Amino acid sequence: MPHLYDGPFDAITQDGKVLILKWKPETASMETKQFFESMVRLGELTIEADVHGILIDILDFRHKPTADVMAFREEHVIPIYNQTGIKRMAFLFPGESPGEATQDAGGDYEVQRFTSENEALTWAGRMPKFTEYPGVDHNCWDRAYRDPELIRWLFGQSR
């Protein structure tokens, strides 16, 4: 999974057609200006990447946003997301977290809240990865199942 950015408060990676913003516990000391910069950075990286969705992982988010966050997002961030053509934005919340992910005003994409990272990534547009081996993070099945010889062999076994 390519790492596109790794800073003091957040990391941005790409998993297939999904960008992932993972907030770090250090966000407890983050200033509002740094929070705004992170939101804009994610939008700019989304423009550069060929992705269909975004996952924002707030499991370790500790920053206390100020009242002007939504106005900043509507003016500076949502237009960037709309420009990218993303279709879905998933938020990964702790299971006991109050509140809901709401549709962004003016956003041309769906917003959904999840407590399962795999469900969030799949909904946002990542192809599921399958492996038989714990700790092995690669998809060995796509190539195999696209091979017509394997399909012929599988069907031949049932005769």
N, C-alpha and C. Protein backbone atom coordinates (compact mmCIF):
# COMPACT_ATOMS: atom_id res chain seq x y z
N MET A 1 0.86 -1.17 0.00
CA MET A 1 0.00 0.00 0.00
C MET A 1 0.91 1.23 0.00
N PRO A 2 0.85 2.06 -1.05
CA PRO A 2 1.73 3.23 -1.13
C PRO A 2 1.42 4.28 -0.06
N HIS A 3 2.48 4.77 0.57
CA HIS A 3 2.36 5.87 1.53
C HIS A 3 2.57 7.17 0.77
N LEU A 4 1.57 8.02 0.76
CA LEU A 4 1.64 9.28 0.03
C LEU A 4 2.09 10.42 0.92
N TYR A 5 1.83 10.29 2.22
CA TYR A 5 2.21 11.33 3.18
C TYR A 5 2.24 10.72 4.57
N ASP A 6 3.25 11.11 5.35
CA ASP A 6 3.33 10.68 6.74
C ASP A 6 3.84 11.86 7.55
N GLY A 7 2.93 12.51 8.26
CA GLY A 7 3.28 13.69 9.03
C GLY A 7 3.09 13.46 10.52
N PRO A 8 3.25 14.51 11.30
CA PRO A 8 3.15 14.36 12.75
C PRO A 8 1.74 14.04 13.25
N PHE A 9 0.71 14.41 12.48
CA PHE A 9 -0.67 14.23 12.95
C PHE A 9 -1.49 13.24 12.13
N ASP A 10 -1.03 12.95 10.91
CA ASP A 10 -1.81 12.08 10.03
C ASP A 10 -0.91 11.39 9.03
N ALA A 11 -1.44 10.32 8.46
CA ALA A 11 -0.76 9.61 7.38
C ALA A 11 -1.80 9.36 6.29
N ILE A 12 -1.35 9.46 5.04
CA ILE A 12 -2.24 9.23 3.90
C ILE A 12 -1.63 8.13 3.05
N THR A 13 -2.43 7.10 2.82
CA THR A 13 -2.01 5.97 2.00
C THR A 13 -3.06 5.73 0.92
N GLN A 14 -2.69 4.91 -0.05
CA GLN A 14 -3.63 4.54 -1.10
C GLN A 14 -3.75 3.03 -1.13
N ASP A 15 -4.98 2.55 -1.10
CA ASP A 15 -5.26 1.12 -1.19
C ASP A 15 -6.18 0.91 -2.39
N GLY A 16 -5.60 0.57 -3.51
CA GLY A 16 -6.38 0.43 -4.74
C GLY A 16 -6.97 1.76 -5.14
N LYS A 17 -8.28 1.82 -5.23
CA LYS A 17 -8.98 3.03 -5.66
C LYS A 17 -9.48 3.87 -4.49
N VAL A 18 -8.86 3.70 -3.31
CA VAL A 18 -9.29 4.44 -2.12
C VAL A 18 -8.08 5.10 -1.46
N LEU A 19 -8.22 6.40 -1.15
CA LEU A 19 -7.23 7.08 -0.32
C LEU A 19 -7.67 6.95 1.13
N ILE A 20 -6.69 6.74 2.01
CA ILE A 20 -6.97 6.56 3.43
C ILE A 20 -6.23 7.62 4.22
N LEU A 21 -6.98 8.41 4.97
CA LEU A 21 -6.40 9.37 5.92
C LEU A 21 -6.54 8.76 7.30
N LYS A 22 -5.42 8.51 7.95
CA LYS A 22 -5.43 7.95 9.30
C LYS A 22 -4.89 9.00 10.25
N TRP A 23 -5.76 9.44 11.14
CA TRP A 23 -5.35 10.40 12.15
C TRP A 23 -4.55 9.69 13.24
N LYS A 24 -3.59 10.42 13.82
CA LYS A 24 -2.73 9.87 14.87
C LYS A 24 -3.14 10.45 16.23
N PRO A 25 -2.78 9.77 17.32
CA PRO A 25 -3.10 10.30 18.66
C PRO A 25 -2.49 11.68 18.92
N GLU A 26 -1.41 12.00 18.21
CA GLU A 26 -0.76 13.31 18.37
C GLU A 26 -1.67 14.46 17.97
N THR A 27 -2.81 14.17 17.37
CA THR A 27 -3.75 15.24 17.01
C THR A 27 -4.26 15.98 18.25
N ALA A 28 -4.03 15.43 19.42
CA ALA A 28 -4.44 16.11 20.66
C ALA A 28 -3.75 17.47 20.77
N SER A 29 -2.54 17.59 20.22
CA SER A 29 -1.81 18.86 20.30
C SER A 29 -1.86 19.66 18.99
N MET A 30 -2.67 19.24 18.06
CA MET A 30 -2.76 19.90 16.76
C MET A 30 -3.53 21.21 16.86
N GLU A 31 -3.04 22.22 16.19
CA GLU A 31 -3.72 23.51 16.11
C GLU A 31 -4.75 23.47 14.97
N THR A 32 -5.72 24.36 15.03
CA THR A 32 -6.76 24.41 14.00
C THR A 32 -6.15 24.63 12.62
N LYS A 33 -5.15 25.48 12.51
CA LYS A 33 -4.49 25.74 11.23
C LYS A 33 -3.91 24.44 10.65
N GLN A 34 -3.30 23.63 11.50
CA GLN A 34 -2.73 22.36 11.04
C GLN A 34 -3.84 21.38 10.61
N PHE A 35 -4.96 21.43 11.30
CA PHE A 35 -6.11 20.60 10.92
C PHE A 35 -6.60 21.00 9.53
N PHE A 36 -6.74 22.30 9.29
CA PHE A 36 -7.16 22.78 7.98
C PHE A 36 -6.17 22.36 6.90
N GLU A 37 -4.87 22.47 7.19
CA GLU A 37 -3.84 22.08 6.23
C GLU A 37 -3.96 20.60 5.87
N SER A 38 -4.26 19.77 6.86
CA SER A 38 -4.42 18.33 6.61
C SER A 38 -5.60 18.05 5.70
N MET A 39 -6.71 18.76 5.92
CA MET A 39 -7.89 18.55 5.07
C MET A 39 -7.59 18.94 3.62
N VAL A 40 -6.91 20.06 3.43
CA VAL A 40 -6.57 20.52 2.08
C VAL A 40 -5.58 19.54 1.44
N ARG A 41 -4.60 19.07 2.22
CA ARG A 41 -3.61 18.11 1.70
C ARG A 41 -4.31 16.85 1.17
N LEU A 42 -5.27 16.33 1.92
CA LEU A 42 -6.00 15.15 1.47
C LEU A 42 -6.71 15.44 0.15
N GLY A 43 -7.34 16.59 0.04
CA GLY A 43 -8.00 16.96 -1.21
C GLY A 43 -7.03 17.04 -2.37
N GLU A 44 -5.88 17.66 -2.15
CA GLU A 44 -4.89 17.80 -3.22
C GLU A 44 -4.33 16.44 -3.65
N LEU A 45 -4.07 15.56 -2.67
CA LEU A 45 -3.58 14.22 -3.02
C LEU A 45 -4.65 13.41 -3.75
N THR A 46 -5.91 13.68 -3.44
CA THR A 46 -7.01 12.99 -4.13
C THR A 46 -7.05 13.41 -5.59
N ILE A 47 -6.73 14.66 -5.88
CA ILE A 47 -6.67 15.13 -7.27
C ILE A 47 -5.59 14.36 -8.03
N GLU A 48 -4.44 14.16 -7.39
CA GLU A 48 -3.31 13.49 -8.05
C GLU A 48 -3.54 11.99 -8.24
N ALA A 49 -4.29 11.38 -7.34
CA ALA A 49 -4.51 9.93 -7.38
C ALA A 49 -5.74 9.60 -8.22
N ASP A 50 -5.74 8.43 -8.78
CA ASP A 50 -6.89 7.94 -9.54
C ASP A 50 -7.72 7.08 -8.59
N VAL A 51 -8.58 7.72 -7.80
CA VAL A 51 -9.34 7.00 -6.79
C VAL A 51 -10.84 7.28 -6.93
N HIS A 52 -11.63 6.38 -6.38
CA HIS A 52 -13.09 6.52 -6.39
C HIS A 52 -13.63 6.91 -5.03
N GLY A 53 -12.83 6.70 -3.98
CA GLY A 53 -13.33 6.96 -2.63
C GLY A 53 -12.23 7.36 -1.67
N ILE A 54 -12.69 7.83 -0.51
CA ILE A 54 -11.80 8.25 0.58
C ILE A 54 -12.30 7.59 1.85
N LEU A 55 -11.35 7.13 2.66
CA LEU A 55 -11.66 6.64 4.00
C LEU A 55 -10.94 7.54 4.99
N ILE A 56 -11.68 8.12 5.92
CA ILE A 56 -11.09 8.93 6.98
C ILE A 56 -11.22 8.14 8.28
N ASP A 57 -10.08 7.70 8.79
CA ASP A 57 -10.02 6.87 9.99
C ASP A 57 -9.82 7.79 11.20
N ILE A 58 -10.87 7.95 12.00
CA ILE A 58 -10.79 8.86 13.15
C ILE A 58 -10.67 8.11 14.48
N LEU A 59 -10.24 6.84 14.42
CA LEU A 59 -10.13 6.05 15.65
C LEU A 59 -9.18 6.69 16.67
N ASP A 60 -8.10 7.32 16.18
CA ASP A 60 -7.13 7.95 17.08
C ASP A 60 -7.18 9.47 17.05
N PHE A 61 -8.25 10.03 16.49
CA PHE A 61 -8.38 11.49 16.38
C PHE A 61 -8.65 12.09 17.75
N ARG A 62 -7.83 13.07 18.16
CA ARG A 62 -7.96 13.67 19.49
C ARG A 62 -8.16 15.18 19.45
N HIS A 63 -8.06 15.79 18.26
CA HIS A 63 -8.20 17.24 18.11
C HIS A 63 -9.63 17.67 18.42
N LYS A 64 -9.79 18.83 19.01
CA LYS A 64 -11.11 19.40 19.27
C LYS A 64 -11.36 20.50 18.24
N PRO A 65 -12.11 20.19 17.17
CA PRO A 65 -12.33 21.18 16.11
C PRO A 65 -13.07 22.42 16.62
N THR A 66 -12.75 23.54 16.02
CA THR A 66 -13.41 24.79 16.36
C THR A 66 -14.69 24.93 15.55
N ALA A 67 -15.50 25.90 15.89
CA ALA A 67 -16.81 26.08 15.25
C ALA A 67 -16.71 26.41 13.76
N ASP A 68 -15.57 26.93 13.32
CA ASP A 68 -15.44 27.34 11.92
C ASP A 68 -15.00 26.22 10.97
N VAL A 69 -14.89 25.00 11.47
CA VAL A 69 -14.43 23.89 10.64
C VAL A 69 -15.36 23.63 9.46
N MET A 70 -16.66 23.56 9.69
CA MET A 70 -17.58 23.26 8.60
C MET A 70 -17.57 24.36 7.53
N ALA A 71 -17.49 25.61 7.96
CA ALA A 71 -17.42 26.71 6.99
C ALA A 71 -16.15 26.60 6.15
N PHE A 72 -15.03 26.26 6.79
CA PHE A 72 -13.77 26.09 6.07
C PHE A 72 -13.89 24.94 5.07
N ARG A 73 -14.45 23.83 5.51
CA ARG A 73 -14.62 22.67 4.61
C ARG A 73 -15.49 23.04 3.41
N GLU A 74 -16.61 23.72 3.67
CA GLU A 74 -17.52 24.06 2.57
C GLU A 74 -16.87 25.00 1.57
N GLU A 75 -16.03 25.91 2.06
CA GLU A 75 -15.41 26.90 1.17
C GLU A 75 -14.15 26.38 0.48
N HIS A 76 -13.32 25.61 1.20
CA HIS A 76 -11.99 25.26 0.68
C HIS A 76 -11.79 23.78 0.35
N VAL A 77 -12.48 22.89 1.02
CA VAL A 77 -12.18 21.46 0.89
C VAL A 77 -13.18 20.72 0.00
N ILE A 78 -14.46 20.92 0.23
CA ILE A 78 -15.48 20.20 -0.54
C ILE A 78 -15.36 20.51 -2.04
N PRO A 79 -15.08 21.75 -2.45
CA PRO A 79 -14.88 21.99 -3.89
C PRO A 79 -13.72 21.16 -4.48
N ILE A 80 -12.68 20.93 -3.68
CA ILE A 80 -11.57 20.09 -4.15
C ILE A 80 -12.06 18.66 -4.35
N TYR A 81 -12.77 18.12 -3.35
CA TYR A 81 -13.30 16.76 -3.47
C TYR A 81 -14.22 16.63 -4.69
N ASN A 82 -15.07 17.62 -4.91
CA ASN A 82 -15.97 17.58 -6.07
C ASN A 82 -15.18 17.57 -7.38
N GLN A 83 -14.08 18.31 -7.41
CA GLN A 83 -13.23 18.37 -8.60
C GLN A 83 -12.60 17.01 -8.90
N THR A 84 -12.33 16.21 -7.88
CA THR A 84 -11.66 14.92 -8.07
C THR A 84 -12.57 13.87 -8.66
N GLY A 85 -13.87 14.02 -8.50
CA GLY A 85 -14.80 13.03 -9.00
C GLY A 85 -14.99 11.82 -8.10
N ILE A 86 -14.57 11.92 -6.83
CA ILE A 86 -14.79 10.79 -5.93
C ILE A 86 -16.28 10.53 -5.80
N LYS A 87 -16.62 9.30 -5.53
CA LYS A 87 -18.03 8.90 -5.42
C LYS A 87 -18.46 8.69 -3.97
N ARG A 88 -17.49 8.29 -3.11
CA ARG A 88 -17.85 7.95 -1.74
C ARG A 88 -16.77 8.36 -0.75
N MET A 89 -17.24 8.82 0.42
CA MET A 89 -16.34 9.14 1.53
C MET A 89 -16.83 8.38 2.76
N ALA A 90 -15.96 7.51 3.26
CA ALA A 90 -16.30 6.69 4.42
C ALA A 90 -15.55 7.22 5.64
N PHE A 91 -16.23 7.21 6.78
CA PHE A 91 -15.60 7.57 8.04
C PHE A 91 -15.56 6.33 8.92
N LEU A 92 -14.39 6.04 9.48
CA LEU A 92 -14.23 4.91 10.39
C LEU A 92 -14.25 5.45 11.81
N PHE A 93 -15.33 5.15 12.54
CA PHE A 93 -15.55 5.61 13.91
C PHE A 93 -15.31 4.48 14.89
N PRO A 94 -14.94 4.82 16.14
CA PRO A 94 -14.96 3.78 17.18
C PRO A 94 -16.40 3.32 17.37
N GLY A 95 -16.60 2.08 17.73
CA GLY A 95 -17.94 1.53 17.88
C GLY A 95 -18.81 2.29 18.85
N GLU A 96 -18.23 2.82 19.91
CA GLU A 96 -19.02 3.50 20.93
C GLU A 96 -19.14 5.01 20.68
N SER A 97 -18.64 5.48 19.56
CA SER A 97 -18.63 6.91 19.28
C SER A 97 -20.03 7.45 19.01
N PRO A 98 -20.36 8.60 19.63
CA PRO A 98 -21.65 9.22 19.33
C PRO A 98 -21.58 9.97 18.00
N GLY A 99 -22.70 10.35 17.50
CA GLY A 99 -22.73 11.18 16.29
C GLY A 99 -22.80 10.36 15.03
N GLU A 100 -23.01 11.05 13.95
CA GLU A 100 -23.16 10.43 12.64
C GLU A 100 -22.30 11.18 11.63
N ALA A 101 -21.88 10.47 10.60
CA ALA A 101 -21.27 11.14 9.46
C ALA A 101 -22.43 11.70 8.64
N THR A 102 -22.38 12.97 8.32
CA THR A 102 -23.48 13.59 7.59
C THR A 102 -23.02 13.95 6.18
N GLN A 103 -23.96 14.04 5.27
CA GLN A 103 -23.64 14.43 3.90
C GLN A 103 -23.04 15.83 3.91
N ASP A 104 -21.92 16.00 3.20
CA ASP A 104 -21.30 17.32 3.11
C ASP A 104 -22.17 18.23 2.26
N ALA A 105 -22.46 19.42 2.77
CA ALA A 105 -23.24 20.40 2.01
C ALA A 105 -22.48 20.72 0.73
N GLY A 106 -23.13 20.54 -0.40
CA GLY A 106 -22.50 20.82 -1.68
C GLY A 106 -21.62 19.71 -2.20
N GLY A 107 -21.50 18.61 -1.46
CA GLY A 107 -20.66 17.50 -1.89
C GLY A 107 -21.34 16.65 -2.95
N ASP A 108 -20.58 16.28 -3.99
CA ASP A 108 -21.11 15.45 -5.08
C ASP A 108 -20.82 13.97 -4.83
N TYR A 109 -20.75 13.54 -3.59
CA TYR A 109 -20.38 12.18 -3.23
C TYR A 109 -21.19 11.75 -2.01
N GLU A 110 -21.31 10.45 -1.84
CA GLU A 110 -22.02 9.90 -0.68
C GLU A 110 -21.09 9.86 0.53
N VAL A 111 -21.67 9.99 1.71
CA VAL A 111 -20.92 9.90 2.96
C VAL A 111 -21.57 8.83 3.82
N GLN A 112 -20.73 7.97 4.43
CA GLN A 112 -21.24 6.89 5.27
C GLN A 112 -20.31 6.67 6.46
N ARG A 113 -20.88 6.25 7.55
CA ARG A 113 -20.14 5.98 8.79
C ARG A 113 -20.02 4.46 8.97
N PHE A 114 -18.83 4.01 9.42
CA PHE A 114 -18.57 2.59 9.64
C PHE A 114 -17.81 2.39 10.95
N THR A 115 -17.91 1.17 11.48
CA THR A 115 -17.08 0.78 12.62
C THR A 115 -16.15 -0.36 12.22
N SER A 116 -16.25 -0.85 10.99
CA SER A 116 -15.39 -1.90 10.46
C SER A 116 -14.56 -1.33 9.32
N GLU A 117 -13.23 -1.43 9.44
CA GLU A 117 -12.37 -0.90 8.39
C GLU A 117 -12.59 -1.62 7.06
N ASN A 118 -12.71 -2.93 7.09
CA ASN A 118 -12.91 -3.67 5.85
C ASN A 118 -14.21 -3.27 5.16
N GLU A 119 -15.29 -3.13 5.93
CA GLU A 119 -16.57 -2.70 5.34
C GLU A 119 -16.45 -1.30 4.77
N ALA A 120 -15.77 -0.41 5.48
CA ALA A 120 -15.59 0.97 5.00
C ALA A 120 -14.80 1.00 3.70
N LEU A 121 -13.69 0.26 3.65
CA LEU A 121 -12.86 0.24 2.45
C LEU A 121 -13.61 -0.36 1.26
N THR A 122 -14.33 -1.43 1.51
CA THR A 122 -15.09 -2.07 0.43
C THR A 122 -16.17 -1.13 -0.10
N TRP A 123 -16.90 -0.48 0.81
CA TRP A 123 -17.95 0.47 0.39
C TRP A 123 -17.35 1.63 -0.39
N ALA A 124 -16.16 2.09 0.03
CA ALA A 124 -15.53 3.24 -0.62
C ALA A 124 -14.95 2.90 -1.99
N GLY A 125 -14.80 1.60 -2.30
CA GLY A 125 -14.35 1.24 -3.64
C GLY A 125 -13.14 0.35 -3.74
N ARG A 126 -12.61 -0.12 -2.63
CA ARG A 126 -11.46 -1.02 -2.69
C ARG A 126 -11.93 -2.43 -3.03
N MET A 127 -11.17 -3.09 -3.87
CA MET A 127 -11.44 -4.50 -4.15
C MET A 127 -11.00 -5.30 -2.92
N PRO A 128 -11.82 -6.23 -2.47
CA PRO A 128 -11.43 -7.04 -1.31
C PRO A 128 -10.16 -7.83 -1.59
N LYS A 129 -9.36 -8.01 -0.55
CA LYS A 129 -8.15 -8.80 -0.66
C LYS A 129 -8.37 -10.11 0.09
N PHE A 130 -8.02 -11.18 -0.55
CA PHE A 130 -8.18 -12.49 0.08
C PHE A 130 -6.82 -13.17 0.19
N THR A 131 -6.60 -13.86 1.26
CA THR A 131 -5.38 -14.62 1.45
C THR A 131 -5.68 -15.79 2.37
N GLU A 132 -4.93 -16.84 2.21
CA GLU A 132 -5.09 -17.99 3.10
C GLU A 132 -4.15 -17.89 4.29
N TYR A 133 -3.23 -16.98 4.24
CA TYR A 133 -2.19 -16.93 5.25
C TYR A 133 -2.30 -15.68 6.11
N PRO A 134 -2.43 -15.83 7.44
CA PRO A 134 -2.50 -14.66 8.32
C PRO A 134 -1.24 -13.80 8.17
N GLY A 135 -1.45 -12.50 8.10
CA GLY A 135 -0.32 -11.57 8.01
C GLY A 135 0.19 -11.34 6.60
N VAL A 136 -0.33 -12.05 5.61
CA VAL A 136 0.09 -11.85 4.22
C VAL A 136 -0.91 -10.89 3.59
N ASP A 137 -0.44 -9.70 3.24
CA ASP A 137 -1.34 -8.66 2.75
C ASP A 137 -1.18 -8.48 1.24
N HIS A 138 -1.53 -9.49 0.49
CA HIS A 138 -1.59 -9.34 -0.95
C HIS A 138 -2.72 -10.19 -1.50
N ASN A 139 -3.14 -9.85 -2.66
CA ASN A 139 -4.28 -10.51 -3.28
C ASN A 139 -3.75 -11.49 -4.33
N CYS A 140 -3.74 -12.76 -3.99
CA CYS A 140 -3.25 -13.76 -4.93
C CYS A 140 -4.37 -14.31 -5.81
N TRP A 141 -5.60 -13.94 -5.55
CA TRP A 141 -6.73 -14.57 -6.23
C TRP A 141 -7.10 -13.91 -7.55
N ASP A 142 -6.99 -12.60 -7.66
CA ASP A 142 -7.43 -11.94 -8.89
C ASP A 142 -6.73 -12.51 -10.12
N ARG A 143 -5.41 -12.61 -10.05
CA ARG A 143 -4.66 -13.11 -11.19
C ARG A 143 -5.04 -14.56 -11.50
N ALA A 144 -5.14 -15.36 -10.45
CA ALA A 144 -5.46 -16.77 -10.65
C ALA A 144 -6.82 -16.95 -11.31
N TYR A 145 -7.82 -16.23 -10.84
CA TYR A 145 -9.16 -16.42 -11.39
C TYR A 145 -9.35 -15.77 -12.76
N ARG A 146 -8.44 -14.91 -13.16
CA ARG A 146 -8.50 -14.37 -14.52
C ARG A 146 -7.85 -15.31 -15.53
N ASP A 147 -7.13 -16.30 -15.03
CA ASP A 147 -6.43 -17.25 -15.90
C ASP A 147 -7.44 -18.27 -16.43
N PRO A 148 -7.71 -18.28 -17.75
CA PRO A 148 -8.72 -19.20 -18.28
C PRO A 148 -8.36 -20.67 -18.06
N GLU A 149 -7.08 -20.98 -17.97
CA GLU A 149 -6.68 -22.37 -17.74
C GLU A 149 -7.14 -22.84 -16.37
N LEU A 150 -7.09 -21.98 -15.37
CA LEU A 150 -7.54 -22.37 -14.04
C LEU A 150 -9.04 -22.66 -14.05
N ILE A 151 -9.81 -21.83 -14.73
CA ILE A 151 -11.25 -22.03 -14.80
C ILE A 151 -11.55 -23.36 -15.49
N ARG A 152 -10.87 -23.65 -16.60
CA ARG A 152 -11.07 -24.94 -17.29
C ARG A 152 -10.71 -26.10 -16.36
N TRP A 153 -9.61 -25.95 -15.66
CA TRP A 153 -9.18 -27.01 -14.74
C TRP A 153 -10.21 -27.21 -13.63
N LEU A 154 -10.70 -26.11 -13.03
CA LEU A 154 -11.70 -26.24 -11.96
C LEU A 154 -12.95 -26.97 -12.44
N PHE A 155 -13.46 -26.55 -13.61
CA PHE A 155 -14.66 -27.22 -14.14
C PHE A 155 -14.37 -28.67 -14.51
N GLY A 156 -13.16 -28.94 -14.94
CA GLY A 156 -12.78 -30.31 -15.29
C GLY A 156 -12.75 -31.24 -14.08
N GLN A 157 -12.56 -30.69 -12.89
CA GLN A 157 -12.49 -31.51 -11.68
C GLN A 157 -13.85 -32.06 -11.28
N SER A 158 -14.93 -31.45 -11.75
CA SER A 158 -16.26 -31.89 -11.33
C SER A 158 -16.82 -33.00 -12.22
N ARG A 159 -16.08 -33.41 -13.20
CA ARG A 159 -16.57 -34.47 -14.13
C ARG A 159 -16.32 -35.84 -13.58
